[in-house]
Protein backbone atom coordinates (compact mmCIF):
# COMPACT_ATOMS: atom_id res chain seq x y z
CA UNK A 1 64.71 138.22 144.10
CA UNK A 2 63.69 141.94 143.92
CA UNK A 3 64.83 145.53 143.50
CA UNK A 4 63.46 148.53 145.31
CA UNK A 5 63.93 152.13 143.74
CA UNK A 6 62.97 155.37 145.27
CA UNK A 7 62.97 158.60 143.72
CA UNK A 8 62.99 161.85 145.93
CA UNK A 9 60.75 164.33 143.51
CA UNK A 10 60.01 167.52 144.00
CA UNK A 11 56.38 167.08 144.80
CA UNK A 12 56.53 163.51 146.21
CA UNK A 13 58.39 160.40 146.80
CA UNK A 14 58.03 157.59 144.54
CA UNK A 15 58.78 153.88 145.16
CA UNK A 16 58.53 150.70 143.02
CA UNK A 17 59.55 147.12 143.45
CA UNK A 18 60.92 145.56 140.51
CA UNK A 19 61.78 142.24 139.31
CA UNK A 20 64.81 141.63 137.42
CA UNK A 21 62.86 141.91 134.21
CA UNK A 22 62.16 145.32 134.90
CA UNK A 23 58.43 144.66 135.90
CA UNK A 24 57.15 147.06 138.57
CA UNK A 25 55.31 144.76 141.06
CA UNK A 26 54.25 147.37 143.36
CA UNK A 27 54.32 151.25 143.27
CA UNK A 28 53.70 154.13 145.95
CA UNK A 29 53.73 157.47 146.09
CA UNK A 30 53.80 159.81 149.13
CA UNK A 31 53.28 163.64 148.68
CA UNK A 32 55.00 166.54 150.73
CA UNK A 33 55.32 170.49 150.37
CA UNK A 34 57.34 173.18 149.29
CA UNK A 35 57.62 176.01 151.24
CA UNK A 36 58.12 179.59 149.63
CA UNK A 37 59.04 181.57 152.82
CA UNK A 38 60.44 184.83 150.79
CA UNK A 39 60.56 185.55 147.00
CA UNK A 40 63.03 183.52 145.66
CA UNK A 41 63.05 181.05 148.03
CA UNK A 42 61.85 177.35 147.82
CA UNK A 43 62.55 174.92 150.71
CA UNK A 44 61.79 171.32 151.76
CA UNK A 45 62.04 169.65 155.05
CA UNK A 46 63.95 166.59 154.44
CA UNK A 47 62.16 164.96 157.41
CA UNK A 48 59.25 164.88 155.30
CA UNK A 49 61.08 163.05 152.47
CA UNK A 50 62.05 160.26 154.75
CA UNK A 51 58.59 160.19 156.56
CA UNK A 52 57.15 159.72 152.81
CA UNK A 53 59.64 156.78 152.05
CA UNK A 54 58.75 155.11 155.26
CA UNK A 55 54.92 155.17 154.28
CA UNK A 56 55.70 154.03 150.66
CA UNK A 57 57.93 151.14 151.25
CA UNK A 58 55.53 149.88 153.86
CA UNK A 59 52.80 150.44 151.27
CA UNK A 60 54.72 148.42 148.88
CA UNK A 61 55.55 145.59 151.23
CA UNK A 62 51.91 145.17 152.47
CA UNK A 63 50.51 145.54 148.61
CA UNK A 64 53.21 143.15 147.04
CA UNK A 65 52.99 140.77 150.23
CA UNK A 66 56.67 139.73 149.20
CA UNK A 67 59.12 138.99 151.86
CA UNK A 68 61.35 142.00 152.44
CA UNK A 69 64.25 139.75 152.69
CA UNK A 70 64.07 138.80 148.90
CA UNK A 71 65.03 142.47 148.22
CA UNK A 72 68.57 142.22 146.90
CA UNK A 73 69.53 145.85 146.78
CA UNK A 74 68.09 149.42 147.02
CA UNK A 75 68.82 152.61 144.89
CA UNK A 76 67.89 156.16 145.59
CA UNK A 77 67.28 158.84 143.12
CA UNK A 78 67.00 162.40 143.86
CA UNK A 79 66.17 166.05 142.86
CA UNK A 80 69.60 168.15 142.36
CA UNK A 81 71.01 170.90 143.93
CA UNK A 82 70.10 170.41 147.93
CA UNK A 83 72.13 171.37 150.76
CA UNK A 84 71.15 169.74 153.71
CA UNK A 85 73.19 170.51 156.96
CA UNK A 86 73.78 167.70 159.09
CA UNK A 87 75.37 167.25 162.48
CA UNK A 88 77.74 164.59 162.97
CA UNK A 89 75.04 162.70 164.77
CA UNK A 90 72.43 163.04 162.17
CA UNK A 91 70.42 166.20 163.07
CA UNK A 92 69.03 168.09 160.12
CA UNK A 93 70.09 171.92 161.20
CA UNK A 94 67.43 173.81 158.48
CA UNK A 95 65.34 172.87 155.72
CA UNK A 96 67.13 172.55 152.70
CA UNK A 97 66.80 175.24 149.67
CA UNK A 98 65.91 172.74 146.64
CA UNK A 99 66.64 173.49 142.83
CA UNK A 100 64.20 175.95 142.50
CA UNK A 101 66.15 178.47 145.20
CA UNK A 102 68.00 181.38 143.80
CA UNK A 103 68.32 183.26 147.27
CA UNK A 104 72.31 183.24 146.83
CA UNK A 105 72.28 185.83 143.79
CA UNK A 106 74.52 187.67 146.19
CA UNK A 107 76.92 185.19 146.75
CA UNK A 108 77.33 184.53 143.04
CA UNK A 109 78.15 187.88 142.59
CA UNK A 110 80.60 187.73 145.43
CA UNK A 111 82.34 184.95 143.67
CA UNK A 112 82.58 186.26 140.05
CA UNK A 113 84.52 189.25 141.76
CA UNK A 114 86.50 187.34 143.86
CA UNK A 115 87.37 184.31 141.86
CA UNK A 116 85.76 184.67 138.56
CA UNK A 117 83.09 182.52 136.42
CA UNK A 118 85.61 181.44 134.06
CA UNK A 119 87.87 179.70 136.71
CA UNK A 120 84.70 177.87 137.81
CA UNK A 121 83.52 176.86 134.55
CA UNK A 122 86.95 175.29 133.94
CA UNK A 123 86.88 173.34 136.77
CA UNK A 124 83.30 172.09 137.05
CA UNK A 125 82.04 172.61 133.50
CA UNK A 126 79.10 174.33 134.58
CA UNK A 127 77.76 178.19 134.93
CA UNK A 128 77.86 179.91 138.36
CA UNK A 129 74.21 180.07 139.44
CA UNK A 130 72.66 180.98 142.91
CA UNK A 131 70.63 177.32 142.56
CA UNK A 132 73.42 175.10 142.55
CA UNK A 133 74.68 173.78 145.81
CA UNK A 134 77.83 175.56 146.26
CA UNK A 135 76.34 179.22 146.68
CA UNK A 136 73.66 177.80 149.20
CA UNK A 137 76.83 176.66 151.42
CA UNK A 138 78.21 179.75 151.26
CA UNK A 139 74.89 181.59 151.79
CA UNK A 140 74.56 179.34 155.07
CA UNK A 141 78.05 180.65 155.70
CA UNK A 142 77.34 184.31 155.30
CA UNK A 143 73.66 184.69 156.26
CA UNK A 144 73.53 181.89 159.03
CA UNK A 145 77.15 181.81 160.57
CA UNK A 146 76.22 180.00 164.01
CA UNK A 147 73.92 177.11 161.95
CA UNK A 148 77.24 176.89 159.62
CA UNK A 149 79.77 176.26 162.29
CA UNK A 150 77.50 173.19 163.57
CA UNK A 151 77.65 171.65 160.23
CA UNK A 152 79.56 168.11 159.80
CA UNK A 153 78.14 167.35 156.32
CA UNK A 154 76.40 168.62 153.68
CA UNK A 155 73.96 166.08 152.03
CA UNK A 156 71.99 165.97 148.60
CA UNK A 157 68.54 164.67 148.36
CA UNK A 158 69.24 161.04 147.63
CA UNK A 159 72.35 160.89 149.85
CA UNK A 160 70.04 161.82 152.72
CA UNK A 161 67.78 158.87 152.57
CA UNK A 162 71.09 156.65 151.91
CA UNK A 163 71.92 158.34 155.39
CA UNK A 164 68.52 157.18 156.92
CA UNK A 165 68.75 153.98 155.87
CA UNK A 166 72.36 153.24 156.46
CA UNK A 167 73.71 155.86 158.81
CA UNK A 168 76.60 156.25 156.31
CA UNK A 169 77.41 159.76 154.55
CA UNK A 170 77.96 159.72 151.21
CA UNK A 171 78.28 162.02 148.02
CA UNK A 172 77.40 160.12 144.64
CA UNK A 173 79.52 161.38 141.76
CA UNK A 174 76.39 162.21 139.49
CA UNK A 175 75.10 164.84 142.12
CA UNK A 176 78.83 166.21 142.33
CA UNK A 177 78.28 168.87 139.61
CA UNK A 178 76.20 171.07 141.66
CA UNK A 179 79.60 171.94 143.54
CA UNK A 180 81.67 174.76 141.80
CA UNK A 181 84.58 173.11 143.69
CA UNK A 182 84.18 169.73 142.33
CA UNK A 183 86.23 168.53 139.42
CA UNK A 184 83.97 167.04 136.72
CA UNK A 185 86.57 165.46 134.53
CA UNK A 186 88.51 163.82 137.65
CA UNK A 187 85.13 163.09 139.87
CA UNK A 188 86.50 164.39 142.73
CA UNK A 189 86.81 167.86 145.01
CA UNK A 190 89.28 170.40 144.33
CA UNK A 191 91.13 171.03 147.59
CA UNK A 192 92.46 174.37 146.57
CA UNK A 193 89.65 175.95 145.53
CA UNK A 194 87.76 174.73 148.69
CA UNK A 195 90.72 176.50 150.80
CA UNK A 196 89.88 179.82 148.71
CA UNK A 197 86.19 179.43 149.35
CA UNK A 198 86.75 178.74 153.01
CA UNK A 199 84.85 175.47 152.93
CA UNK A 200 86.30 172.72 155.09
CA UNK A 201 86.77 169.98 153.44
CA UNK A 202 85.32 167.76 156.32
CA UNK A 203 81.69 168.94 155.39
CA UNK A 204 81.83 167.32 151.99
CA UNK A 205 81.26 163.50 152.37
CA UNK A 206 83.03 160.85 150.61
CA UNK A 207 82.54 160.35 146.78
CA UNK A 208 81.13 157.09 145.61
CA UNK A 209 80.12 155.56 142.49
CA UNK A 210 76.41 155.78 141.80
CA UNK A 211 76.32 151.78 141.78
CA UNK A 212 78.77 151.32 144.63
CA UNK A 213 77.06 150.10 147.51
CA UNK A 214 77.48 152.70 150.45
CA UNK A 215 76.13 150.45 153.41
CA UNK A 216 73.15 148.13 154.46
CA UNK A 217 69.63 148.65 156.05
CA UNK A 218 70.07 149.10 159.52
CA UNK A 219 67.88 147.63 162.36
CA UNK A 220 66.48 151.22 163.28
CA UNK A 221 65.42 151.88 159.70
CA UNK A 222 64.12 148.66 159.06
CA UNK A 223 61.80 149.38 161.80
CA UNK A 224 60.65 152.36 160.18
CA UNK A 225 60.31 151.07 156.46
CA UNK A 226 59.04 147.72 156.89
CA UNK A 227 62.35 146.57 155.38
CA UNK A 228 64.88 143.72 156.37
CA UNK A 229 67.84 144.78 158.24
CA UNK A 230 70.85 144.11 156.02
CA UNK A 231 69.87 144.98 152.22
CA UNK A 232 72.62 146.47 150.37
CA UNK A 233 71.92 150.42 149.78
CA UNK A 234 74.00 151.80 147.18
CA UNK A 235 74.88 155.50 146.43
CA UNK A 236 72.03 156.10 143.81
CA UNK A 237 72.02 159.35 141.84
CA UNK A 238 70.51 162.30 140.46
CA UNK A 239 67.08 162.18 139.50
CA UNK A 240 67.66 162.72 135.52
CA UNK A 241 70.49 160.58 135.24
CA UNK A 242 68.52 157.74 136.81
CA UNK A 243 65.71 158.59 134.62
CA UNK A 244 68.35 158.52 131.32
CA UNK A 245 69.38 154.99 132.43
CA UNK A 246 65.61 154.16 132.90
CA UNK A 247 64.94 155.08 129.41
CA UNK A 248 68.04 153.07 128.21
CA UNK A 249 70.25 156.08 127.24
CA UNK A 250 73.50 154.67 128.07
CA UNK A 251 75.53 154.90 124.96
CA UNK A 252 76.68 157.96 123.55
CA UNK A 253 74.18 160.21 121.56
CA UNK A 254 71.06 158.48 123.24
CA UNK A 255 68.79 160.92 124.89
CA UNK A 256 66.24 161.24 127.39
CA UNK A 257 63.26 163.54 127.17
CA UNK A 258 62.20 164.64 130.71
CA UNK A 259 58.25 165.24 131.41
CA UNK A 260 58.69 165.28 135.48
CA UNK A 261 57.52 168.51 137.02
CA UNK A 262 60.82 169.95 135.51
CA UNK A 263 61.36 169.29 131.72
CA UNK A 264 64.35 169.00 129.66
CA UNK A 265 66.97 166.66 128.18
CA UNK A 266 70.04 164.71 128.97
CA UNK A 267 72.16 163.54 126.08
CA UNK A 268 74.80 160.76 127.09
CA UNK A 269 78.11 161.79 126.13
CA UNK A 270 81.45 159.56 126.30
CA UNK A 271 83.65 162.54 126.41
CA UNK A 272 83.63 165.61 128.69
CA UNK A 273 81.83 168.34 126.69
CA UNK A 274 80.85 171.55 128.63
CA UNK A 275 78.88 174.66 127.36
CA UNK A 276 77.96 177.60 129.56
CA UNK A 277 74.37 177.47 128.47
CA UNK A 278 73.71 173.81 129.44
CA UNK A 279 74.23 171.69 132.34
CA UNK A 280 77.10 169.17 132.43
CA UNK A 281 76.74 166.04 135.03
CA UNK A 282 78.80 162.56 135.43
CA UNK A 283 76.05 159.70 134.25
CA UNK A 284 75.10 157.62 136.67
CA UNK A 285 76.75 155.21 134.34
CA UNK A 286 80.51 154.91 134.75
CA UNK A 287 82.79 157.01 132.49
CA UNK A 288 79.99 158.84 130.68
CA UNK A 289 78.56 162.30 130.81
CA UNK A 290 75.15 163.78 130.49
CA UNK A 291 74.83 166.94 128.73
CA UNK A 292 71.53 168.32 130.07
CA UNK A 293 69.03 171.20 129.45
CA UNK A 294 67.07 171.63 132.67
CA UNK A 295 63.94 173.78 132.60
CA UNK A 296 61.57 175.07 134.88
CA UNK A 297 58.53 174.50 132.97
CA UNK A 298 57.62 170.73 132.53
CA UNK A 299 54.99 168.81 133.85
CA UNK A 300 54.62 171.34 136.58
CA UNK A 301 52.94 173.67 133.97
CA UNK A 302 50.05 171.38 133.24
CA UNK A 303 49.75 170.67 137.42
CA UNK A 304 49.76 174.44 137.64
CA UNK A 305 47.01 174.77 135.09
CA UNK A 306 45.01 171.81 136.41
CA UNK A 307 44.81 173.42 140.00
CA UNK A 308 43.88 176.76 138.49
CA UNK A 309 41.44 175.71 135.85
CA UNK A 310 40.77 171.72 136.14
CA UNK A 311 37.38 171.93 138.53
CA UNK A 312 35.17 170.92 135.61
CA UNK A 313 37.70 168.32 134.26
CA UNK A 314 37.81 166.66 137.92
CA UNK A 315 34.33 166.09 137.73
CA UNK A 316 34.60 164.88 133.96
CA UNK A 317 37.30 162.41 135.24
CA UNK A 318 34.84 161.02 137.74
CA UNK A 319 32.29 160.68 135.31
CA UNK A 320 34.37 159.25 132.50
CA UNK A 321 36.63 156.81 134.72
CA UNK A 322 39.90 158.72 133.96
CA UNK A 323 41.88 161.49 135.36
CA UNK A 324 41.92 165.36 135.00
CA UNK A 325 44.90 165.41 133.22
CA UNK A 326 43.58 163.16 130.49
CA UNK A 327 40.50 165.59 130.25
CA UNK A 328 42.79 168.48 129.82
CA UNK A 329 44.51 166.94 127.01
CA UNK A 330 41.44 166.29 125.33
CA UNK A 331 40.82 170.04 125.37
CA UNK A 332 44.28 170.80 123.90
CA UNK A 333 43.59 168.09 121.35
CA UNK A 334 40.79 170.23 119.86
CA UNK A 335 42.56 173.42 119.22
CA UNK A 336 44.63 173.93 116.10
CA UNK A 337 48.35 173.59 116.35
CA UNK A 338 50.15 176.88 117.12
CA UNK A 339 47.09 177.69 119.41
CA UNK A 340 45.77 180.46 116.89
CA UNK A 341 48.65 182.68 118.01
CA UNK A 342 48.91 182.18 121.67
CA UNK A 343 52.08 181.96 122.99
CA UNK A 344 53.34 180.83 126.63
CA UNK A 345 56.68 181.36 128.00
CA UNK A 346 56.67 178.51 130.78
CA UNK A 347 59.31 180.39 133.10
CA UNK A 348 56.99 179.91 136.61
CA UNK A 349 59.97 179.92 138.80
CA UNK A 350 62.50 181.46 136.70
CA UNK A 351 64.32 179.67 134.30
CA UNK A 352 67.71 177.64 133.95
CA UNK A 353 69.08 176.44 130.76
CA UNK A 354 69.66 178.16 127.93
CA UNK A 355 68.78 181.26 129.23
CA UNK A 356 69.67 181.08 133.01
CA UNK A 357 67.55 183.92 134.45
CA UNK A 358 66.46 183.52 137.93
CA UNK A 359 64.06 186.52 137.36
CA UNK A 360 62.16 185.36 134.34
CA UNK A 361 58.16 184.91 134.41
CA UNK A 362 55.83 183.09 132.81
CA UNK A 363 53.74 185.12 129.98
CA UNK A 364 50.91 184.21 127.73
CA UNK A 365 50.94 186.27 124.65
CA UNK A 366 48.21 186.66 122.13
CA UNK A 367 45.14 186.57 124.31
CA UNK A 368 41.84 187.74 122.76
CA UNK A 369 37.98 187.11 123.56
CA UNK A 370 38.45 184.15 120.81
CA UNK A 371 40.96 182.39 123.31
CA UNK A 372 39.50 179.51 125.61
CA UNK A 373 40.69 177.07 128.44
CA UNK A 374 41.67 174.88 125.72
CA UNK A 375 44.28 177.37 123.95
CA UNK A 376 45.53 178.34 127.44
CA UNK A 377 46.19 174.41 127.77
CA UNK A 378 47.63 173.85 124.37
CA UNK A 379 49.68 176.94 124.41
CA UNK A 380 50.96 175.59 127.67
CA UNK A 381 52.39 172.73 126.32
CA UNK A 382 53.49 174.24 123.56
CA UNK A 383 55.37 176.60 125.26
CA UNK A 384 57.25 173.63 127.21
CA UNK A 385 57.89 171.92 123.87
CA UNK A 386 59.57 175.39 122.71
CA UNK A 387 61.79 175.15 125.91
CA UNK A 388 62.90 171.66 124.61
CA UNK A 389 63.84 172.64 121.41
CA UNK A 390 65.72 175.49 122.72
CA UNK A 391 67.74 173.48 124.62
CA UNK A 392 68.30 170.87 121.78
CA UNK A 393 69.37 173.67 119.49
CA UNK A 394 71.86 174.59 122.27
CA UNK A 395 73.20 171.34 122.49
CA UNK A 396 73.50 171.03 118.68
CA UNK A 397 75.11 173.98 118.55
CA UNK A 398 77.63 172.93 121.22
CA UNK A 399 78.51 169.81 119.08
CA UNK A 400 75.88 167.19 120.65
CA UNK A 401 73.81 165.51 117.86
CA UNK A 402 70.20 164.01 118.42
CA UNK A 403 68.12 162.05 116.31
CA UNK A 404 65.82 160.35 118.68
CA UNK A 405 64.04 161.32 122.05
CA UNK A 406 63.42 158.99 124.75
CA UNK A 407 60.54 159.98 126.88
CA UNK A 408 59.85 159.69 130.41
CA UNK A 409 57.81 161.25 133.23
CA UNK A 410 54.00 161.95 133.88
CA UNK A 411 54.10 164.17 130.99
CA UNK A 412 54.93 161.45 128.46
CA UNK A 413 51.23 159.82 129.18
CA UNK A 414 49.75 162.63 127.29
CA UNK A 415 49.55 161.75 123.64
CA UNK A 416 48.78 164.82 122.45
CA UNK A 417 51.63 166.96 124.45
CA UNK A 418 54.34 164.25 123.21
CA UNK A 419 52.99 164.74 119.45
CA UNK A 420 53.37 168.55 120.14
CA UNK A 421 56.74 167.72 121.18
CA UNK A 422 57.64 165.49 118.35
CA UNK A 423 56.34 168.28 116.06
CA UNK A 424 57.93 171.23 117.40
CA UNK A 425 61.54 169.80 117.63
CA UNK A 426 61.41 167.74 114.40
CA UNK A 427 62.46 164.42 116.32
CA UNK A 428 61.10 161.19 116.66
CA UNK A 429 60.02 160.18 120.38
CA UNK A 430 59.74 157.04 121.84
CA UNK A 431 57.91 156.53 125.21
CA UNK A 432 59.17 154.13 127.73
CA UNK A 433 56.65 151.61 128.65
CA UNK A 434 56.62 152.52 132.34
CA UNK A 435 55.68 155.21 134.76
CA UNK A 436 58.38 154.31 136.70
CA UNK A 437 61.80 155.20 134.71
CA UNK A 438 63.39 157.07 137.51
CA UNK A 439 62.70 154.69 139.94
CA UNK A 440 63.68 151.83 137.35
CA UNK A 441 67.13 153.54 136.89
CA UNK A 442 68.01 153.44 140.59
CA UNK A 443 66.89 150.05 141.33
CA UNK A 444 69.30 149.14 137.94
CA UNK A 445 72.25 150.55 139.89
CA UNK A 446 71.34 148.29 142.86
CA UNK A 447 70.99 145.40 140.32
CA UNK A 448 74.35 146.03 139.05
CA UNK A 449 75.92 146.25 142.31
CA UNK A 450 74.48 143.11 143.89
CA UNK A 451 75.28 140.98 140.63
CA UNK A 452 71.55 140.80 139.21
CA UNK A 453 72.94 141.98 136.30
CA UNK A 454 76.72 141.58 134.97
CA UNK A 455 76.51 145.30 133.41
CA UNK A 456 74.46 148.23 132.51
CA UNK A 457 74.21 146.65 128.88
CA UNK A 458 72.64 143.42 130.23
CA UNK A 459 70.46 145.55 132.67
CA UNK A 460 69.04 147.93 129.98
CA UNK A 461 68.41 144.95 127.53
CA UNK A 462 66.71 143.03 130.12
CA UNK A 463 64.32 145.98 131.66
CA UNK A 464 63.61 148.68 129.15
CA UNK A 465 60.75 148.57 126.38
CA UNK A 466 58.60 151.02 124.69
CA UNK A 467 54.89 151.63 124.48
CA UNK A 468 54.35 154.01 121.56
CA UNK A 469 56.27 155.99 118.94
CA UNK A 470 55.91 159.50 117.59
CA UNK A 471 56.97 160.91 114.41
CA UNK A 472 57.04 164.62 113.58
CA UNK A 473 54.10 165.81 111.39
CA UNK A 474 55.70 167.57 108.65
CA UNK A 475 52.85 169.34 107.57
CA UNK A 476 53.21 171.26 110.76
CA UNK A 477 56.99 172.51 110.44
CA UNK A 478 56.17 175.76 109.53
CA UNK A 479 53.68 176.41 111.99
CA UNK A 480 55.58 175.39 114.85
CA UNK A 481 58.93 177.34 113.03
CA UNK A 482 56.71 180.68 113.18
CA UNK A 483 55.64 179.99 116.99
CA UNK A 484 59.25 179.30 118.03
CA UNK A 485 60.31 182.47 116.51
CA UNK A 486 57.88 184.35 118.32
CA UNK A 487 58.64 182.49 121.61
CA UNK A 488 62.17 183.76 121.27
CA UNK A 489 61.39 187.12 120.51
CA UNK A 490 58.76 187.63 122.92
CA UNK A 491 61.34 186.61 125.97
CA UNK A 492 63.97 188.88 124.17
CA UNK A 493 61.66 191.52 124.12
CA UNK A 494 60.48 190.98 127.90
CA UNK A 495 63.80 190.19 129.37
CA UNK A 496 64.85 193.56 130.35
CA UNK A 497 61.17 193.88 132.53
CA UNK A 498 61.97 190.56 134.12
CA UNK A 499 64.27 192.14 137.05
């Protein structure tokens, strides 16, 4: 029997078929677009996600040559803070603002005046920020009232795919933290605050445990995807939480380091432990939480550099039978640690934790005629590492201790970048032995639900292995301490201009 994991990321859908031992026997990826119609807006069309899922699953089945009836279950991971407005018959009323979208700044200002940020924080354990789901819903109500009146349900990215597969509306518990009307301790909506906000409870879908079966693949979905009707589909969960599960971070203190389009980390907790500077969500593992640092600057920084500066490296990759990112990493490796004083702030779409500044901008500081493309690349990598260190330090101040990071995502494929992160943070890093960590986590949810694994501990023991280990270079402590101080000081000096 096999398990299917699907991940609705920012730039693409990834899907993989796994054995019960966690081996990916086939993988597929389909890209789609992000739209930026106005400053501060970032939207995607959910129909593009579904089309990508259909193409990816058909490709998986064709390449693996398995009988789709041998798939025991399906799990779906998804990017955070969607707000997909749906009619009762499953029509999408508008493109969804995604996690980078900050159009609801005015809504948050209104909420602070009407209700107060502290009350929201005490309920949901998270700061009141425009990128979250609730302000986006209220933005619909204020700025698109005719559309708002037609909404039957609001869905997240993973629950939209679950709906397309099963015809059932759902809200998994790990994505609940995007609602400031969600009680993070109880894992349920708060009716009192919903009434105060004028949000009808009917538009909020029923809440499911992440490994709870929501429904089964319908005949229509089977025709579109190449799957077999009747396969169980679980609620799934937040991509970073599924990624944490896929790295084996399921016990208190175990920490996932995220190197996808966005960066950051997630520390597994067995008690509720909120901090306004960070992000707290329910884990996809029952009775656990994740204290997260979510940053805009992750693998997306290198993607941006590759698009702008990578023409020569694309040609080299063809010649060397590698890829352009490996060639860019080679350039970074040749540069002295500390990038000869060049510092990069990776705030390429504002910044989330711990500074929470939607107007923050990316900055190179220290440019002169001696700097090369390699300097720009290494400084970009170091800037992302500094943002990781900033979140880890904040978590430590909040009482969460971390000694080991479990790295996942495309950025973990770069040995030089992973070593930079180890050197900057002073932490040991172990790299998971797969590029399919998030899809593996979502597949594990389906495996636990369908009895492939008796529990999460057995699932992790059977599926999670590591390929590399990075230890911090003690000789570079002073170099990176100085670089980190400058990194913080540069933002502090420039923040008043970022308006």
